[in-house]
Amino acid sequence: MRYFRYFYTMKWEQALKDYQNYLRIERGLSENTVVNYSFDIQKLINWLDTNQIQVSPIKIDENQVQEFIYQLAKKVNPRSQSRMISGLKGFFNYLIFEDYRKTNPLELIESPKTGRKLPDTLSQLEIDVIIKTIDLSSTQGERNRAMLETLYSCGLRVSELINLKISDLFFDEGFIQVIGKGNKQRFVPIANVTMKYINIYKNEIRIHENPVKEHQDVLFLNRRGKKLSRAMIFTLIKQLADKAGVRKTISPHTFRHSFATHLLENGADLRAIQQMLGHESITTTEIYMHVNRKHLSEVLMKYHPRS
């Protein structure tokens, strides 16, 4: 019934809004993920407008979508193409699920082969040098040290770091509670040295700050008593890396990659790493098996009886 009612009238803007609500409410995805999915669909909408193609989300066919992908391929790399194709497939699968469409116009469109991109990592020495570069005489120095120690020693995503709450700290048990993708909760072990730095910041610096009402439970605050932004963490890490003389292109996620890589190198179980990182699939965690081939060769030479 609904399929026929909206067959001719559904607008792209309404379809996108409905899809966003579906991602937020029914799939429980984070706002950042919803924005990324929406961006891909918006590109298709803009392309249709630019080329004056008047077709609804329900009536658009395989040939029109294929032409959009073909034009897109001239401007973006294979990895971006693959991500966009995946995002659009999800959108049209949603329309099928809601009985707006009968088929997916991307069903026969294959994503380009991109290969597996290995994450960048920092050595333990590089991480130590970056953290030691922090100016502890500044008002924010203790906070920055506690943040980077937490980012690395707990393997957090940047969004998990900035949303960490005081009520999420279970130091007596040696854990912190983390709210990950899709609002999924997990408990991550925390090292004694990291707990020490958090307590120094919390008990000696933060206690003198005046957080705004809605951020009173947020652990790491800016000078205005509000939650830090993702951009601020990116900027901080870039500045510290430059100051420390680390020439790699790094981001907050590099600390998370390094956390997993160093655990694996030191003999940690892959399933345990999966749980600590909050990966839904072990396949995502398995990428770290390919990160340091030199280390694996050294293990073979040291422990295999034929070496």
C-alpha atoms as a PDB file:
ATOM      1  CA  MET A   1       0.000   0.000   0.000  1.00  0.00           C
ATOM      2  CA  ARG A   2       2.686   2.480   1.034  1.00  0.00           C
ATOM      3  CA  TYR A   3       4.783   1.504  -2.006  1.00  0.00           C
ATOM      4  CA  PHE A   4       2.033   2.634  -4.414  1.00  0.00           C
ATOM      5  CA  ARG A   5       1.162   5.751  -2.419  1.00  0.00           C
ATOM      6  CA  TYR A   6       4.730   7.098  -2.626  1.00  0.00           C
ATOM      7  CA  PHE A   7       5.648   5.692  -6.043  1.00  0.00           C
ATOM      8  CA  TYR A   8       5.346   9.013  -7.857  1.00  0.00           C
ATOM      9  CA  THR A   9       5.579  11.496  -4.999  1.00  0.00           C
ATOM     10  CA  MET A  10       8.621  10.541  -2.925  1.00  0.00           C
ATOM     11  CA  LYS A  11      11.255  13.287  -2.971  1.00  0.00           C
ATOM     12  CA  TRP A  12      14.970  12.735  -2.504  1.00  0.00           C
ATOM     13  CA  GLU A  13      15.079  15.038   0.515  1.00  0.00           C
ATOM     14  CA  GLN A  14      12.299  13.119   2.275  1.00  0.00           C
ATOM     15  CA  ALA A  15      13.838   9.748   1.410  1.00  0.00           C
ATOM     16  CA  LEU A  16      17.204  10.868   2.784  1.00  0.00           C
ATOM     17  CA  LYS A  17      15.608  12.204   5.980  1.00  0.00           C
ATOM     18  CA  ASP A  18      13.697   8.926   6.511  1.00  0.00           C
ATOM     19  CA  TYR A  19      16.891   6.937   5.920  1.00  0.00           C
ATOM     20  CA  GLN A  20      18.811   9.063   8.434  1.00  0.00           C
ATOM     21  CA  ASN A  21      16.137   8.426  11.063  1.00  0.00           C
ATOM     22  CA  TYR A  22      16.306   4.701  10.303  1.00  0.00           C
ATOM     23  CA  LEU A  23      20.099   4.691  10.767  1.00  0.00           C
ATOM     24  CA  ARG A  24      19.865   6.613  14.040  1.00  0.00           C
ATOM     25  CA  ILE A  25      16.895   4.899  15.658  1.00  0.00           C
ATOM     26  CA  GLU A  26      16.695   1.366  14.287  1.00  0.00           C
ATOM     27  CA  ARG A  27      20.370   0.695  13.610  1.00  0.00           C
ATOM     28  CA  GLY A  28      21.679   2.864  16.458  1.00  0.00           C
ATOM     29  CA  LEU A  29      24.526   4.358  14.403  1.00  0.00           C
ATOM     30  CA  SER A  30      26.516   7.342  15.617  1.00  0.00           C
ATOM     31  CA  GLU A  31      25.871  10.808  14.230  1.00  0.00           C
ATOM     32  CA  ASN A  32      29.243  10.784  12.455  1.00  0.00           C
ATOM     33  CA  THR A  33      28.354   7.551  10.638  1.00  0.00           C
ATOM     34  CA  VAL A  34      24.932   8.910   9.671  1.00  0.00           C
ATOM     35  CA  VAL A  35      26.575  12.052   8.262  1.00  0.00           C
ATOM     36  CA  ASN A  36      29.041   9.971   6.210  1.00  0.00           C
ATOM     37  CA  TYR A  37      26.271   7.818   4.723  1.00  0.00           C
ATOM     38  CA  SER A  38      24.191  10.910   3.964  1.00  0.00           C
ATOM     39  CA  PHE A  39      27.131  12.584   2.224  1.00  0.00           C
ATOM     40  CA  ASP A  40      27.293   9.780  -0.372  1.00  0.00           C
ATOM     41  CA  ILE A  41      23.578  10.015  -1.130  1.00  0.00           C
ATOM     42  CA  GLN A  42      23.751  13.810  -1.313  1.00  0.00           C
ATOM     43  CA  LYS A  43      26.415  13.503  -4.021  1.00  0.00           C
ATOM     44  CA  LEU A  44      24.007  11.497  -6.150  1.00  0.00           C
ATOM     45  CA  ILE A  45      21.257  14.066  -5.531  1.00  0.00           C
ATOM     46  CA  ASN A  46      23.591  16.907  -6.547  1.00  0.00           C
ATOM     47  CA  TRP A  47      24.632  15.040  -9.691  1.00  0.00           C
ATOM     48  CA  LEU A  48      20.990  14.571 -10.705  1.00  0.00           C
ATOM     49  CA  ASP A  49      20.303  18.287 -10.148  1.00  0.00           C
ATOM     50  CA  THR A  50      23.406  19.372 -12.078  1.00  0.00           C
ATOM     51  CA  ASN A  51      22.437  17.208 -15.043  1.00  0.00           C
ATOM     52  CA  GLN A  52      18.761  18.208 -14.774  1.00  0.00           C
ATOM     53  CA  ILE A  53      17.646  14.604 -14.402  1.00  0.00           C
ATOM     54  CA  GLN A  54      14.217  14.571 -12.803  1.00  0.00           C
ATOM     55  CA  VAL A  55      13.743  11.138 -11.331  1.00  0.00           C
ATOM     56  CA  SER A  56      12.561  10.001  -7.901  1.00  0.00           C
ATOM     57  CA  PRO A  57      14.450   7.624  -5.565  1.00  0.00           C
ATOM     58  CA  ILE A  58      11.895   4.988  -6.506  1.00  0.00           C
ATOM     59  CA  LYS A  59      12.091   5.439 -10.264  1.00  0.00           C
ATOM     60  CA  ILE A  60      15.856   5.893 -10.714  1.00  0.00           C
ATOM     61  CA  ASP A  61      17.216   2.935 -12.682  1.00  0.00           C
ATOM     62  CA  GLU A  62      20.438   0.989 -13.072  1.00  0.00           C
ATOM     63  CA  ASN A  63      21.641   2.927 -16.133  1.00  0.00           C
ATOM     64  CA  GLN A  64      21.305   6.319 -14.423  1.00  0.00           C
ATOM     65  CA  VAL A  65      23.151   5.170 -11.316  1.00  0.00           C
ATOM     66  CA  GLN A  66      25.822   3.516 -13.465  1.00  0.00           C
ATOM     67  CA  GLU A  67      26.408   6.777 -15.329  1.00  0.00           C
ATOM     68  CA  PHE A  68      26.781   8.595 -12.000  1.00  0.00           C
ATOM     69  CA  ILE A  69      29.360   6.022 -10.840  1.00  0.00           C
ATOM     70  CA  TYR A  70      31.202   6.299 -14.178  1.00  0.00           C
ATOM     71  CA  GLN A  71      31.423  10.103 -13.890  1.00  0.00           C
ATOM     72  CA  LEU A  72      32.455   9.782 -10.255  1.00  0.00           C
ATOM     73  CA  ALA A  73      35.298   7.403 -11.156  1.00  0.00           C
ATOM     74  CA  LYS A  74      37.042  10.204 -13.061  1.00  0.00           C
ATOM     75  CA  LYS A  75      37.310  12.342  -9.917  1.00  0.00           C
ATOM     76  CA  VAL A  76      37.914  10.054  -6.909  1.00  0.00           C
ATOM     77  CA  ASN A  77      40.187   7.152  -6.064  1.00  0.00           C
ATOM     78  CA  PRO A  78      39.007   3.509  -6.024  1.00  0.00           C
ATOM     79  CA  ARG A  79      38.701   3.441  -2.235  1.00  0.00           C
ATOM     80  CA  SER A  80      36.302   6.414  -2.257  1.00  0.00           C
ATOM     81  CA  GLN A  81      34.337   4.848  -5.126  1.00  0.00           C
ATOM     82  CA  SER A  82      34.017   1.608  -3.209  1.00  0.00           C
ATOM     83  CA  ARG A  83      32.801   3.398  -0.075  1.00  0.00           C
ATOM     84  CA  MET A  84      30.227   5.392  -2.035  1.00  0.00           C
ATOM     85  CA  ILE A  85      28.890   2.342  -3.875  1.00  0.00           C
ATOM     86  CA  SER A  86      28.505   0.566  -0.546  1.00  0.00           C
ATOM     87  CA  GLY A  87      26.704   3.578   0.948  1.00  0.00           C
ATOM     88  CA  LEU A  88      24.287   3.855  -1.967  1.00  0.00           C
ATOM     89  CA  LYS A  89      23.561   0.131  -1.902  1.00  0.00           C
ATOM     90  CA  GLY A  90      22.609   0.494   1.745  1.00  0.00           C
ATOM     91  CA  PHE A  91      20.242   3.371   0.939  1.00  0.00           C
ATOM     92  CA  PHE A  92      18.422   1.485  -1.815  1.00  0.00           C
ATOM     93  CA  ASN A  93      18.285  -1.684   0.301  1.00  0.00           C
ATOM     94  CA  TYR A  94      16.507   0.437   2.907  1.00  0.00           C
ATOM     95  CA  LEU A  95      13.955   1.531   0.278  1.00  0.00           C
ATOM     96  CA  ILE A  96      13.399  -2.137  -0.623  1.00  0.00           C
ATOM     97  CA  PHE A  97      13.042  -3.026   3.059  1.00  0.00           C
ATOM     98  CA  GLU A  98      10.355  -0.339   3.422  1.00  0.00           C
ATOM     99  CA  ASP A  99       8.547  -1.593   0.277  1.00  0.00           C
ATOM    100  CA  TYR A 100       9.249   1.596  -1.684  1.00  0.00           C
ATOM    101  CA  ARG A 101      11.234  -0.271  -4.346  1.00  0.00           C
ATOM    102  CA  LYS A 102      11.375  -3.813  -5.653  1.00  0.00           C
ATOM    103  CA  THR A 103      15.013  -3.844  -6.839  1.00  0.00           C
ATOM    104  CA  ASN A 104      18.360  -2.239  -6.023  1.00  0.00           C
ATOM    105  CA  PRO A 105      19.795  -0.293  -9.014  1.00  0.00           C
ATOM    106  CA  LEU A 106      23.322  -1.029  -7.745  1.00  0.00           C
ATOM    107  CA  GLU A 107      22.784  -4.771  -7.508  1.00  0.00           C
ATOM    108  CA  LEU A 108      25.003  -5.555 -10.512  1.00  0.00           C
ATOM    109  CA  ILE A 109      27.537  -2.755  -9.942  1.00  0.00           C
ATOM    110  CA  GLU A 110      30.770  -4.092  -8.477  1.00  0.00           C
ATOM    111  CA  SER A 111      33.066  -2.053  -6.266  1.00  0.00           C
ATOM    112  CA  PRO A 112      36.600  -1.499  -7.624  1.00  0.00           C
ATOM    113  CA  LYS A 113      39.336  -3.608  -6.081  1.00  0.00           C
ATOM    114  CA  THR A 114      41.224  -1.442  -3.614  1.00  0.00           C
ATOM    115  CA  GLY A 115      43.458  -3.867  -1.774  1.00  0.00           C
ATOM    116  CA  ARG A 116      43.764  -3.788   1.983  1.00  0.00           C
ATOM    117  CA  LYS A 117      45.147  -0.558   3.402  1.00  0.00           C
ATOM    118  CA  LEU A 118      47.431  -1.207   6.330  1.00  0.00           C
ATOM    119  CA  PRO A 119      47.112   1.299   9.172  1.00  0.00           C
ATOM    120  CA  ASP A 120      50.015   3.573  10.088  1.00  0.00           C
ATOM    121  CA  THR A 121      51.558   2.936  13.488  1.00  0.00           C
ATOM    122  CA  LEU A 122      53.952   4.593  15.889  1.00  0.00           C
ATOM    123  CA  SER A 123      56.711   2.798  17.745  1.00  0.00           C
ATOM    124  CA  GLN A 124      56.583   2.729  21.534  1.00  0.00           C
ATOM    125  CA  LEU A 125      59.545   5.106  21.545  1.00  0.00           C
ATOM    126  CA  GLU A 126      57.750   7.581  19.252  1.00  0.00           C
ATOM    127  CA  ILE A 127      54.674   7.555  21.487  1.00  0.00           C
ATOM    128  CA  ASP A 128      56.840   8.167  24.567  1.00  0.00           C
ATOM    129  CA  VAL A 129      58.619  11.068  22.819  1.00  0.00           C
ATOM    130  CA  ILE A 130      55.326  12.679  21.748  1.00  0.00           C
ATOM    131  CA  ILE A 131      53.857  12.447  25.264  1.00  0.00           C
ATOM    132  CA  LYS A 132      57.064  13.767  26.868  1.00  0.00           C
ATOM    133  CA  THR A 133      56.819  16.807  24.552  1.00  0.00           C
ATOM    134  CA  ILE A 134      53.692  17.978  26.405  1.00  0.00           C
ATOM    135  CA  ASP A 135      54.297  21.141  28.408  1.00  0.00           C
ATOM    136  CA  LEU A 136      53.187  20.187  31.925  1.00  0.00           C
ATOM    137  CA  SER A 137      53.671  23.759  33.151  1.00  0.00           C
ATOM    138  CA  SER A 138      50.682  24.918  31.098  1.00  0.00           C
ATOM    139  CA  THR A 139      47.160  24.778  32.516  1.00  0.00           C
ATOM    140  CA  GLN A 140      46.138  22.126  29.981  1.00  0.00           C
ATOM    141  CA  GLY A 141      49.329  20.046  30.103  1.00  0.00           C
ATOM    142  CA  GLU A 142      48.126  17.505  32.677  1.00  0.00           C
ATOM    143  CA  ARG A 143      44.879  17.099  30.758  1.00  0.00           C
ATOM    144  CA  ASN A 144      46.700  16.523  27.462  1.00  0.00           C
ATOM    145  CA  ARG A 145      49.018  13.928  28.999  1.00  0.00           C
ATOM    146  CA  ALA A 146      46.091  12.080  30.561  1.00  0.00           C
ATOM    147  CA  MET A 147      44.196  12.161  27.240  1.00  0.00           C
ATOM    148  CA  LEU A 148      47.022  10.772  25.112  1.00  0.00           C
ATOM    149  CA  GLU A 149      47.868   8.114  27.685  1.00  0.00           C
ATOM    150  CA  THR A 150      44.196   7.063  27.697  1.00  0.00           C
ATOM    151  CA  LEU A 151      43.980   7.151  23.896  1.00  0.00           C
ATOM    152  CA  TYR A 152      46.994   4.843  23.582  1.00  0.00           C
ATOM    153  CA  SER A 153      46.768   2.572  26.614  1.00  0.00           C
ATOM    154  CA  CYS A 154      43.039   1.854  26.113  1.00  0.00           C
ATOM    155  CA  GLY A 155      42.959   1.901  22.289  1.00  0.00           C
ATOM    156  CA  LEU A 156      40.044   4.346  22.124  1.00  0.00           C
ATOM    157  CA  ARG A 157      38.475   6.012  19.129  1.00  0.00           C
ATOM    158  CA  VAL A 158      38.668   9.808  19.305  1.00  0.00           C
ATOM    159  CA  SER A 159      34.866  10.014  19.734  1.00  0.00           C
ATOM    160  CA  GLU A 160      35.097   7.585  22.668  1.00  0.00           C
ATOM    161  CA  LEU A 161      37.828   9.691  24.280  1.00  0.00           C
ATOM    162  CA  ILE A 162      35.990  13.014  24.128  1.00  0.00           C
ATOM    163  CA  ASN A 163      32.761  11.416  25.417  1.00  0.00           C
ATOM    164  CA  LEU A 164      34.428   9.598  28.332  1.00  0.00           C
ATOM    165  CA  LYS A 165      32.672  10.447  31.600  1.00  0.00           C
ATOM    166  CA  ILE A 166      33.829  10.498  35.197  1.00  0.00           C
ATOM    167  CA  SER A 167      31.063   7.987  35.931  1.00  0.00           C
ATOM    168  CA  ASP A 168      32.666   5.660  33.352  1.00  0.00           C
ATOM    169  CA  LEU A 169      35.805   5.273  35.480  1.00  0.00           C
ATOM    170  CA  PHE A 170      35.907   2.047  37.501  1.00  0.00           C
ATOM    171  CA  PHE A 171      39.438   2.342  38.814  1.00  0.00           C
ATOM    172  CA  ASP A 172      38.916  -0.004  41.774  1.00  0.00           C
ATOM    173  CA  GLU A 173      38.173  -2.759  39.258  1.00  0.00           C
ATOM    174  CA  GLY A 174      40.846  -1.549  36.804  1.00  0.00           C
ATOM    175  CA  PHE A 175      38.430  -0.799  33.949  1.00  0.00           C
ATOM    176  CA  ILE A 176      36.766   2.073  32.132  1.00  0.00           C
ATOM    177  CA  GLN A 177      33.370   1.854  30.467  1.00  0.00           C
ATOM    178  CA  VAL A 178      33.389   2.957  26.830  1.00  0.00           C
ATOM    179  CA  ILE A 179      30.401   3.822  24.630  1.00  0.00           C
ATOM    180  CA  GLY A 180      31.440   2.771  21.125  1.00  0.00           C
ATOM    181  CA  LYS A 181      29.830   2.680  17.691  1.00  0.00           C
ATOM    182  CA  GLY A 182      26.096   2.100  17.723  1.00  0.00           C
ATOM    183  CA  ASN A 183      26.002   3.097  21.416  1.00  0.00           C
ATOM    184  CA  LYS A 184      27.462  -0.307  22.302  1.00  0.00           C
ATOM    185  CA  GLN A 185      29.070  -0.487  25.737  1.00  0.00           C
ATOM    186  CA  ARG A 186      32.280  -2.306  26.510  1.00  0.00           C
ATOM    187  CA  PHE A 187      34.681  -2.431  29.448  1.00  0.00           C
ATOM    188  CA  VAL A 188      38.358  -1.825  28.672  1.00  0.00           C
ATOM    189  CA  PRO A 189      41.228  -2.537  31.090  1.00  0.00           C
ATOM    190  CA  ILE A 190      43.237   0.541  32.058  1.00  0.00           C
ATOM    191  CA  ALA A 191      46.891   0.611  33.112  1.00  0.00           C
ATOM    192  CA  ASN A 192      47.964   1.868  36.531  1.00  0.00           C
ATOM    193  CA  VAL A 193      50.095   4.653  35.022  1.00  0.00           C
ATOM    194  CA  THR A 194      47.099   5.891  32.997  1.00  0.00           C
ATOM    195  CA  MET A 195      44.877   5.874  36.086  1.00  0.00           C
ATOM    196  CA  LYS A 196      47.566   7.885  37.876  1.00  0.00           C
ATOM    197  CA  TYR A 197      47.640  10.585  35.175  1.00  0.00           C
ATOM    198  CA  ILE A 198      43.832  10.761  34.995  1.00  0.00           C
ATOM    199  CA  ASN A 199      43.630  11.167  38.775  1.00  0.00           C
ATOM    200  CA  ILE A 200      46.239  13.947  38.717  1.00  0.00           C
ATOM    201  CA  TYR A 201      44.211  15.830  36.099  1.00  0.00           C
ATOM    202  CA  LYS A 202      40.846  15.098  37.715  1.00  0.00           C
ATOM    203  CA  ASN A 203      41.844  15.873  41.316  1.00  0.00           C
ATOM    204  CA  GLU A 204      44.311  18.727  40.808  1.00  0.00           C
ATOM    205  CA  ILE A 205      43.240  20.527  37.597  1.00  0.00           C
ATOM    206  CA  ARG A 206      39.660  19.694  36.665  1.00  0.00           C
ATOM    207  CA  ILE A 207      38.394  20.219  40.208  1.00  0.00           C
ATOM    208  CA  HIS A 208      39.105  23.945  39.819  1.00  0.00           C
ATOM    209  CA  GLU A 209      37.213  24.247  36.519  1.00  0.00           C
ATOM    210  CA  ASN A 210      33.586  25.208  36.116  1.00  0.00           C
ATOM    211  CA  PRO A 211      31.909  22.788  33.665  1.00  0.00           C
ATOM    212  CA  VAL A 212      28.693  23.816  31.929  1.00  0.00           C
ATOM    213  CA  LYS A 213      25.604  21.995  33.155  1.00  0.00           C
ATOM    214  CA  GLU A 214      25.317  19.432  30.346  1.00  0.00           C
ATOM    215  CA  HIS A 215      29.037  18.536  30.529  1.00  0.00           C
ATOM    216  CA  GLN A 216      29.466  18.197  34.298  1.00  0.00           C
ATOM    217  CA  ASP A 217      30.159  14.462  34.046  1.00  0.00           C
ATOM    218  CA  VAL A 218      32.470  14.719  31.010  1.00  0.00           C
ATOM    219  CA  LEU A 219      36.049  13.896  32.014  1.00  0.00           C
ATOM    220  CA  PHE A 220      38.140  16.013  29.635  1.00  0.00           C
ATOM    221  CA  LEU A 221      37.056  19.655  29.335  1.00  0.00           C
ATOM    222  CA  ASN A 222      38.205  22.678  27.363  1.00  0.00           C
ATOM    223  CA  ARG A 223      38.846  26.106  28.892  1.00  0.00           C
ATOM    224  CA  ARG A 224      35.151  26.976  28.629  1.00  0.00           C
ATOM    225  CA  GLY A 225      34.085  23.956  30.662  1.00  0.00           C
ATOM    226  CA  LYS A 226      32.746  22.080  27.647  1.00  0.00           C
ATOM    227  CA  LYS A 227      33.475  18.759  25.998  1.00  0.00           C
ATOM    228  CA  LEU A 228      36.455  18.818  23.631  1.00  0.00           C
ATOM    229  CA  SER A 229      35.920  18.588  19.880  1.00  0.00           C
ATOM    230  CA  ARG A 230      37.396  15.934  17.604  1.00  0.00           C
ATOM    231  CA  ALA A 231      39.179  18.683  15.665  1.00  0.00           C
ATOM    232  CA  MET A 232      40.955  19.871  18.801  1.00  0.00           C
ATOM    233  CA  ILE A 233      42.388  16.392  19.464  1.00  0.00           C
ATOM    234  CA  PHE A 234      43.580  16.149  15.843  1.00  0.00           C
ATOM    235  CA  THR A 235      45.267  19.565  16.094  1.00  0.00           C
ATOM    236  CA  LEU A 236      46.874  18.774  19.444  1.00  0.00           C
ATOM    237  CA  ILE A 237      48.407  15.522  18.191  1.00  0.00           C
ATOM    238  CA  LYS A 238      49.691  17.122  14.990  1.00  0.00           C
ATOM    239  CA  GLN A 239      51.360  19.939  16.950  1.00  0.00           C
ATOM    240  CA  LEU A 240      52.956  17.545  19.436  1.00  0.00           C
ATOM    241  CA  ALA A 241      54.227  15.245  16.672  1.00  0.00           C
ATOM    242  CA  ASP A 242      55.808  18.212  14.852  1.00  0.00           C
ATOM    243  CA  LYS A 243      57.405  19.423  18.077  1.00  0.00           C
ATOM    244  CA  ALA A 244      58.709  15.927  18.852  1.00  0.00           C
ATOM    245  CA  GLY A 245      60.216  15.585  15.382  1.00  0.00           C
ATOM    246  CA  VAL A 246      57.975  12.659  14.393  1.00  0.00           C
ATOM    247  CA  ARG A 247      57.607  13.034  10.623  1.00  0.00           C
ATOM    248  CA  LYS A 248      54.848  10.492  10.093  1.00  0.00           C
ATOM    249  CA  THR A 249      51.362  11.640   9.158  1.00  0.00           C
ATOM    250  CA  ILE A 250      49.418  10.714  12.265  1.00  0.00           C
ATOM    251  CA  SER A 251      45.997  11.229  13.810  1.00  0.00           C
ATOM    252  CA  PRO A 252      44.242  10.146  17.019  1.00  0.00           C
ATOM    253  CA  HIS A 253      43.417   6.850  15.285  1.00  0.00           C
ATOM    254  CA  THR A 254      47.147   6.175  14.897  1.00  0.00           C
ATOM    255  CA  PHE A 255      47.342   5.731  18.670  1.00  0.00           C
ATOM    256  CA  ARG A 256      44.536   3.149  18.477  1.00  0.00           C
ATOM    257  CA  HIS A 257      46.306   1.285  15.654  1.00  0.00           C
ATOM    258  CA  SER A 258      49.547   1.365  17.627  1.00  0.00           C
ATOM    259  CA  PHE A 259      47.781   0.010  20.730  1.00  0.00           C
ATOM    260  CA  ALA A 260      46.525  -3.039  18.801  1.00  0.00           C
ATOM    261  CA  THR A 261      49.804  -3.592  16.955  1.00  0.00           C
ATOM    262  CA  HIS A 262      51.921  -3.463  20.102  1.00  0.00           C
ATOM    263  CA  LEU A 263      49.584  -5.865  21.919  1.00  0.00           C
ATOM    264  CA  LEU A 264      49.806  -8.332  19.035  1.00  0.00           C
ATOM    265  CA  GLU A 265      53.582  -8.025  18.832  1.00  0.00           C
ATOM    266  CA  ASN A 266      53.850  -8.825  22.529  1.00  0.00           C
ATOM    267  CA  GLY A 267      51.762 -11.979  22.216  1.00  0.00           C
ATOM    268  CA  ALA A 268      48.200 -10.851  22.972  1.00  0.00           C
ATOM    269  CA  ASP A 269      45.324 -13.005  21.730  1.00  0.00           C
ATOM    270  CA  LEU A 270      43.507 -11.618  18.685  1.00  0.00           C
ATOM    271  CA  ARG A 271      40.090 -12.229  20.265  1.00  0.00           C
ATOM    272  CA  ALA A 272      41.102 -10.236  23.339  1.00  0.00           C
ATOM    273  CA  ILE A 273      42.261  -7.366  21.105  1.00  0.00           C
ATOM    274  CA  GLN A 274      38.925  -7.523  19.266  1.00  0.00           C
ATOM    275  CA  GLN A 275      37.014  -7.127  22.543  1.00  0.00           C
ATOM    276  CA  MET A 276      39.171  -4.239  23.730  1.00  0.00           C
ATOM    277  CA  LEU A 277      38.855  -2.388  20.411  1.00  0.00           C
ATOM    278  CA  GLY A 278      35.101  -3.019  20.238  1.00  0.00           C
ATOM    279  CA  HIS A 279      35.242  -4.549  16.748  1.00  0.00           C
ATOM    280  CA  GLU A 280      32.006  -6.288  15.850  1.00  0.00           C
ATOM    281  CA  SER A 281      33.803  -8.675  13.498  1.00  0.00           C
ATOM    282  CA  ILE A 282      37.113 -10.459  14.038  1.00  0.00           C
ATOM    283  CA  THR A 283      37.829  -9.761  10.346  1.00  0.00           C
ATOM    284  CA  THR A 284      38.334  -6.087  11.171  1.00  0.00           C
ATOM    285  CA  THR A 285      40.846  -6.972  13.884  1.00  0.00           C
ATOM    286  CA  GLU A 286      42.706  -9.391  11.611  1.00  0.00           C
ATOM    287  CA  ILE A 287      44.170  -6.487   9.645  1.00  0.00           C
ATOM    288  CA  TYR A 288      46.705  -6.160  12.461  1.00  0.00           C
ATOM    289  CA  MET A 289      48.042  -9.604  11.570  1.00  0.00           C
ATOM    290  CA  HIS A 290      49.455  -7.978   8.426  1.00  0.00           C
ATOM    291  CA  VAL A 291      50.873  -4.824   9.951  1.00  0.00           C
ATOM    292  CA  ASN A 292      54.330  -5.852  11.047  1.00  0.00           C
ATOM    293  CA  ARG A 293      55.687  -8.607   8.822  1.00  0.00           C
ATOM    294  CA  LYS A 294      59.224  -7.933  10.034  1.00  0.00           C
ATOM    295  CA  HIS A 295      58.163  -8.775  13.575  1.00  0.00           C
ATOM    296  CA  LEU A 296      56.505 -12.013  12.437  1.00  0.00           C
ATOM    297  CA  SER A 297      59.701 -13.006  10.610  1.00  0.00           C
ATOM    298  CA  GLU A 298      61.711 -12.378  13.763  1.00  0.00           C
ATOM    299  CA  VAL A 299      59.319 -14.577  15.753  1.00  0.00           C
ATOM    300  CA  LEU A 300      59.698 -17.364  13.185  1.00  0.00           C
ATOM    301  CA  MET A 301      63.498 -17.167  13.212  1.00  0.00           C
ATOM    302  CA  LYS A 302      63.584 -17.183  17.011  1.00  0.00           C
ATOM    303  CA  TYR A 303      61.073 -19.887  17.844  1.00  0.00           C
ATOM    304  CA  HIS A 304      60.700 -22.290  14.895  1.00  0.00           C
ATOM    305  CA  PRO A 305      62.835 -25.445  15.320  1.00  0.00           C
ATOM    306  CA  ARG A 306      63.946 -25.403  11.659  1.00  0.00           C
ATOM    307  CA  SER A 307      65.174 -21.787  11.743  1.00  0.00           C
END
